Amino acid sequence: MEITLVKLRRIVEDERMKAVVSLTIDDELAVHDIKVIDTGEKIFVAMPSRRSGDIYRDIVHPINVQAREKIERAVIDAYESSKIEHPAPDEM
């Protein structure tokens, strides 16, 4: 599996959810609505999900640890790079 494109679709500065991301795998499969979440202690990646009653269920998710790590690293790297390229006004 090769992640061939990571596109930040929305960046939010003032909330816990910091970005919404789309990624393309092997130039053949797009996954939308991946979220970058900042807990204050760490940044993590939340896969697309759908609410079912009181529970949120992932509608797309990696099957193994290696795939999850590859996706998380690509998404977090893209998010952190965007912060360097476009710093928030208080970081200038």
N, C-alpha and C. Protein backbone atom coordinates (compact mmCIF):
# COMPACT_ATOMS: atom_id res chain seq x y z
N MET A 1 0.85 -1.18 0.00
CA MET A 1 0.00 0.00 0.00
C MET A 1 0.89 1.23 0.00
N GLU A 2 0.63 2.11 -0.95
CA GLU A 2 1.36 3.38 -1.01
C GLU A 2 0.36 4.52 -0.93
N ILE A 3 0.61 5.44 -0.03
CA ILE A 3 -0.23 6.63 0.06
C ILE A 3 0.33 7.62 -0.95
N THR A 4 -0.45 7.90 -1.98
CA THR A 4 0.05 8.70 -3.09
C THR A 4 -0.35 10.16 -3.01
N LEU A 5 -1.32 10.52 -2.16
CA LEU A 5 -1.72 11.92 -2.02
C LEU A 5 -2.39 12.11 -0.66
N VAL A 6 -2.01 13.18 0.01
CA VAL A 6 -2.70 13.60 1.23
C VAL A 6 -3.09 15.05 1.02
N LYS A 7 -4.38 15.34 1.13
CA LYS A 7 -4.88 16.69 0.89
C LYS A 7 -5.64 17.19 2.11
N LEU A 8 -5.18 18.28 2.68
CA LEU A 8 -5.90 18.89 3.79
C LEU A 8 -7.06 19.68 3.21
N ARG A 9 -8.26 19.28 3.55
CA ARG A 9 -9.44 19.93 2.99
C ARG A 9 -9.90 21.10 3.84
N ARG A 10 -9.64 21.01 5.14
CA ARG A 10 -10.03 22.11 6.03
C ARG A 10 -9.10 22.11 7.24
N ILE A 11 -8.66 23.29 7.63
CA ILE A 11 -7.83 23.43 8.82
C ILE A 11 -8.57 24.34 9.79
N VAL A 12 -8.66 23.91 11.04
CA VAL A 12 -9.37 24.65 12.08
C VAL A 12 -8.38 24.94 13.19
N GLU A 13 -8.23 26.19 13.58
CA GLU A 13 -7.23 26.54 14.58
C GLU A 13 -7.77 26.52 16.01
N ASP A 14 -9.04 26.86 16.18
CA ASP A 14 -9.56 27.12 17.53
C ASP A 14 -10.30 25.96 18.17
N GLU A 15 -10.26 24.80 17.57
CA GLU A 15 -11.01 23.67 18.10
C GLU A 15 -10.11 22.48 18.34
N ARG A 16 -10.64 21.47 18.98
CA ARG A 16 -9.90 20.22 19.22
C ARG A 16 -9.63 19.49 17.90
N MET A 17 -10.62 19.52 16.99
CA MET A 17 -10.41 18.95 15.67
C MET A 17 -9.63 19.98 14.86
N LYS A 18 -8.43 19.61 14.44
CA LYS A 18 -7.54 20.56 13.80
C LYS A 18 -7.62 20.56 12.28
N ALA A 19 -8.00 19.42 11.68
CA ALA A 19 -8.05 19.36 10.22
C ALA A 19 -8.93 18.21 9.77
N VAL A 20 -9.43 18.35 8.55
CA VAL A 20 -10.13 17.28 7.86
C VAL A 20 -9.31 16.98 6.61
N VAL A 21 -9.03 15.71 6.40
CA VAL A 21 -8.06 15.29 5.39
C VAL A 21 -8.68 14.24 4.47
N SER A 22 -8.25 14.28 3.21
CA SER A 22 -8.53 13.21 2.26
C SER A 22 -7.19 12.61 1.87
N LEU A 23 -7.18 11.31 1.63
CA LEU A 23 -5.95 10.70 1.13
C LEU A 23 -6.27 9.72 0.03
N THR A 24 -5.28 9.51 -0.83
CA THR A 24 -5.41 8.57 -1.94
C THR A 24 -4.40 7.46 -1.74
N ILE A 25 -4.85 6.24 -1.95
CA ILE A 25 -4.00 5.06 -1.80
C ILE A 25 -3.78 4.46 -3.19
N ASP A 26 -2.51 4.25 -3.52
CA ASP A 26 -2.11 3.62 -4.78
C ASP A 26 -2.72 4.30 -6.01
N ASP A 27 -2.97 5.60 -5.94
CA ASP A 27 -3.59 6.34 -7.05
C ASP A 27 -4.90 5.69 -7.50
N GLU A 28 -5.55 4.93 -6.62
CA GLU A 28 -6.75 4.19 -7.01
C GLU A 28 -7.93 4.32 -6.05
N LEU A 29 -7.67 4.63 -4.79
CA LEU A 29 -8.73 4.65 -3.79
C LEU A 29 -8.60 5.92 -2.96
N ALA A 30 -9.70 6.69 -2.87
CA ALA A 30 -9.71 7.90 -2.05
C ALA A 30 -10.49 7.65 -0.78
N VAL A 31 -9.96 8.17 0.33
CA VAL A 31 -10.64 8.10 1.62
C VAL A 31 -10.80 9.54 2.10
N HIS A 32 -12.04 9.95 2.37
CA HIS A 32 -12.35 11.32 2.77
C HIS A 32 -12.75 11.36 4.24
N ASP A 33 -12.73 12.56 4.79
CA ASP A 33 -13.21 12.85 6.15
C ASP A 33 -12.39 12.20 7.25
N ILE A 34 -11.09 12.08 7.03
CA ILE A 34 -10.18 11.67 8.10
C ILE A 34 -9.93 12.92 8.94
N LYS A 35 -9.98 12.79 10.25
CA LYS A 35 -9.85 13.96 11.13
C LYS A 35 -8.53 13.93 11.90
N VAL A 36 -7.94 15.10 12.05
CA VAL A 36 -6.76 15.27 12.89
C VAL A 36 -7.25 15.90 14.19
N ILE A 37 -7.04 15.20 15.30
CA ILE A 37 -7.55 15.62 16.61
C ILE A 37 -6.36 15.91 17.53
N ASP A 38 -6.44 17.05 18.24
CA ASP A 38 -5.42 17.40 19.22
C ASP A 38 -6.03 17.30 20.61
N THR A 39 -5.53 16.35 21.41
CA THR A 39 -6.07 16.14 22.76
C THR A 39 -5.42 17.07 23.78
N GLY A 40 -4.40 17.81 23.35
CA GLY A 40 -3.63 18.62 24.28
C GLY A 40 -2.36 17.89 24.68
N GLU A 41 -2.41 16.57 24.72
CA GLU A 41 -1.24 15.76 25.03
C GLU A 41 -0.61 15.18 23.78
N LYS A 42 -1.45 14.89 22.78
CA LYS A 42 -0.93 14.34 21.53
C LYS A 42 -1.92 14.61 20.40
N ILE A 43 -1.42 14.45 19.19
CA ILE A 43 -2.25 14.57 18.00
C ILE A 43 -2.51 13.15 17.50
N PHE A 44 -3.77 12.86 17.16
CA PHE A 44 -4.05 11.55 16.61
C PHE A 44 -4.98 11.68 15.41
N VAL A 45 -5.12 10.58 14.68
CA VAL A 45 -5.91 10.53 13.46
C VAL A 45 -7.16 9.70 13.73
N ALA A 46 -8.33 10.26 13.41
CA ALA A 46 -9.60 9.55 13.55
C ALA A 46 -10.11 9.22 12.15
N MET A 47 -10.38 7.97 11.92
CA MET A 47 -10.86 7.52 10.62
C MET A 47 -12.32 7.96 10.43
N PRO A 48 -12.78 8.00 9.18
CA PRO A 48 -14.17 8.41 8.92
C PRO A 48 -15.14 7.51 9.67
N SER A 49 -16.16 8.12 10.23
CA SER A 49 -17.12 7.33 11.00
C SER A 49 -18.55 7.82 10.76
N ARG A 50 -19.47 7.00 11.19
CA ARG A 50 -20.89 7.32 11.07
C ARG A 50 -21.53 7.05 12.42
N ARG A 51 -22.44 7.91 12.80
CA ARG A 51 -23.12 7.74 14.07
C ARG A 51 -24.26 6.73 13.93
N SER A 52 -24.30 5.80 14.87
CA SER A 52 -25.36 4.80 14.91
C SER A 52 -25.91 4.81 16.33
N GLY A 53 -26.99 5.53 16.53
CA GLY A 53 -27.51 5.72 17.88
C GLY A 53 -26.55 6.58 18.67
N ASP A 54 -26.06 6.05 19.78
CA ASP A 54 -25.12 6.79 20.62
C ASP A 54 -23.67 6.42 20.33
N ILE A 55 -23.46 5.57 19.33
CA ILE A 55 -22.12 5.05 19.05
C ILE A 55 -21.65 5.52 17.68
N TYR A 56 -20.38 5.90 17.60
CA TYR A 56 -19.75 6.21 16.32
C TYR A 56 -19.00 4.97 15.85
N ARG A 57 -19.23 4.58 14.60
CA ARG A 57 -18.57 3.41 14.03
C ARG A 57 -17.74 3.84 12.83
N ASP A 58 -16.48 3.38 12.80
CA ASP A 58 -15.63 3.65 11.64
C ASP A 58 -16.25 3.03 10.40
N ILE A 59 -16.26 3.77 9.30
CA ILE A 59 -16.75 3.21 8.05
C ILE A 59 -15.58 2.80 7.16
N VAL A 60 -14.40 3.26 7.50
CA VAL A 60 -13.15 2.84 6.84
C VAL A 60 -12.11 2.76 7.94
N HIS A 61 -11.32 1.69 7.94
CA HIS A 61 -10.26 1.61 8.93
C HIS A 61 -9.19 0.65 8.46
N PRO A 62 -7.94 0.88 8.87
CA PRO A 62 -6.86 -0.04 8.51
C PRO A 62 -7.04 -1.37 9.23
N ILE A 63 -6.61 -2.43 8.58
CA ILE A 63 -6.78 -3.78 9.12
C ILE A 63 -5.62 -4.17 10.03
N ASN A 64 -4.43 -3.61 9.79
CA ASN A 64 -3.28 -4.00 10.62
C ASN A 64 -2.51 -2.78 11.11
N VAL A 65 -1.63 -3.02 12.05
CA VAL A 65 -0.87 -1.95 12.69
C VAL A 65 0.00 -1.20 11.69
N GLN A 66 0.61 -1.91 10.77
CA GLN A 66 1.49 -1.27 9.79
C GLN A 66 0.72 -0.29 8.91
N ALA A 67 -0.47 -0.67 8.48
CA ALA A 67 -1.28 0.22 7.65
C ALA A 67 -1.72 1.44 8.45
N ARG A 68 -2.13 1.22 9.71
CA ARG A 68 -2.54 2.35 10.56
C ARG A 68 -1.38 3.33 10.76
N GLU A 69 -0.20 2.81 11.05
CA GLU A 69 0.96 3.68 11.26
C GLU A 69 1.31 4.46 10.00
N LYS A 70 1.22 3.81 8.84
CA LYS A 70 1.52 4.48 7.58
C LYS A 70 0.53 5.63 7.32
N ILE A 71 -0.74 5.38 7.55
CA ILE A 71 -1.77 6.41 7.35
C ILE A 71 -1.59 7.53 8.35
N GLU A 72 -1.42 7.20 9.62
CA GLU A 72 -1.24 8.23 10.65
C GLU A 72 -0.03 9.10 10.36
N ARG A 73 1.09 8.49 10.00
CA ARG A 73 2.31 9.26 9.75
C ARG A 73 2.11 10.20 8.56
N ALA A 74 1.50 9.71 7.48
CA ALA A 74 1.28 10.55 6.29
C ALA A 74 0.35 11.72 6.61
N VAL A 75 -0.72 11.46 7.35
CA VAL A 75 -1.69 12.51 7.67
C VAL A 75 -1.08 13.53 8.63
N ILE A 76 -0.43 13.07 9.69
CA ILE A 76 0.17 13.99 10.66
C ILE A 76 1.30 14.79 10.03
N ASP A 77 2.12 14.16 9.19
CA ASP A 77 3.19 14.89 8.50
C ASP A 77 2.61 16.00 7.62
N ALA A 78 1.54 15.70 6.88
CA ALA A 78 0.92 16.71 6.03
C ALA A 78 0.34 17.85 6.87
N TYR A 79 -0.28 17.51 7.98
CA TYR A 79 -0.84 18.54 8.86
C TYR A 79 0.26 19.43 9.44
N GLU A 80 1.32 18.81 9.94
CA GLU A 80 2.42 19.59 10.52
C GLU A 80 3.12 20.44 9.47
N SER A 81 3.26 19.93 8.25
CA SER A 81 3.86 20.71 7.17
C SER A 81 3.00 21.92 6.83
N SER A 82 1.68 21.76 6.88
CA SER A 82 0.79 22.89 6.57
C SER A 82 0.92 23.98 7.63
N LYS A 83 1.19 23.60 8.87
CA LYS A 83 1.37 24.60 9.93
C LYS A 83 2.64 25.41 9.70
N ILE A 84 3.67 24.78 9.16
CA ILE A 84 4.92 25.48 8.87
C ILE A 84 4.73 26.43 7.69
N GLU A 85 4.03 25.96 6.65
CA GLU A 85 3.81 26.75 5.45
C GLU A 85 2.85 27.89 5.68
N HIS A 86 1.84 27.69 6.55
CA HIS A 86 0.80 28.67 6.82
C HIS A 86 0.60 28.82 8.32
N PRO A 87 1.54 29.48 9.01
CA PRO A 87 1.41 29.60 10.47
C PRO A 87 0.18 30.42 10.87
N ALA A 88 -0.35 30.11 12.03
CA ALA A 88 -1.45 30.89 12.57
C ALA A 88 -0.96 32.31 12.84
N PRO A 89 -1.87 33.30 12.80
CA PRO A 89 -1.45 34.71 12.99
C PRO A 89 -0.64 34.94 14.26
N ASP A 90 -0.96 34.23 15.36
CA ASP A 90 -0.21 34.43 16.61
C ASP A 90 1.15 33.75 16.60
N GLU A 91 1.46 32.93 15.57
CA GLU A 91 2.75 32.27 15.46
C GLU A 91 3.71 33.03 14.56
N MET A 92 3.26 34.14 13.96
CA MET A 92 4.09 34.91 13.05
C MET A 92 4.96 35.89 13.78
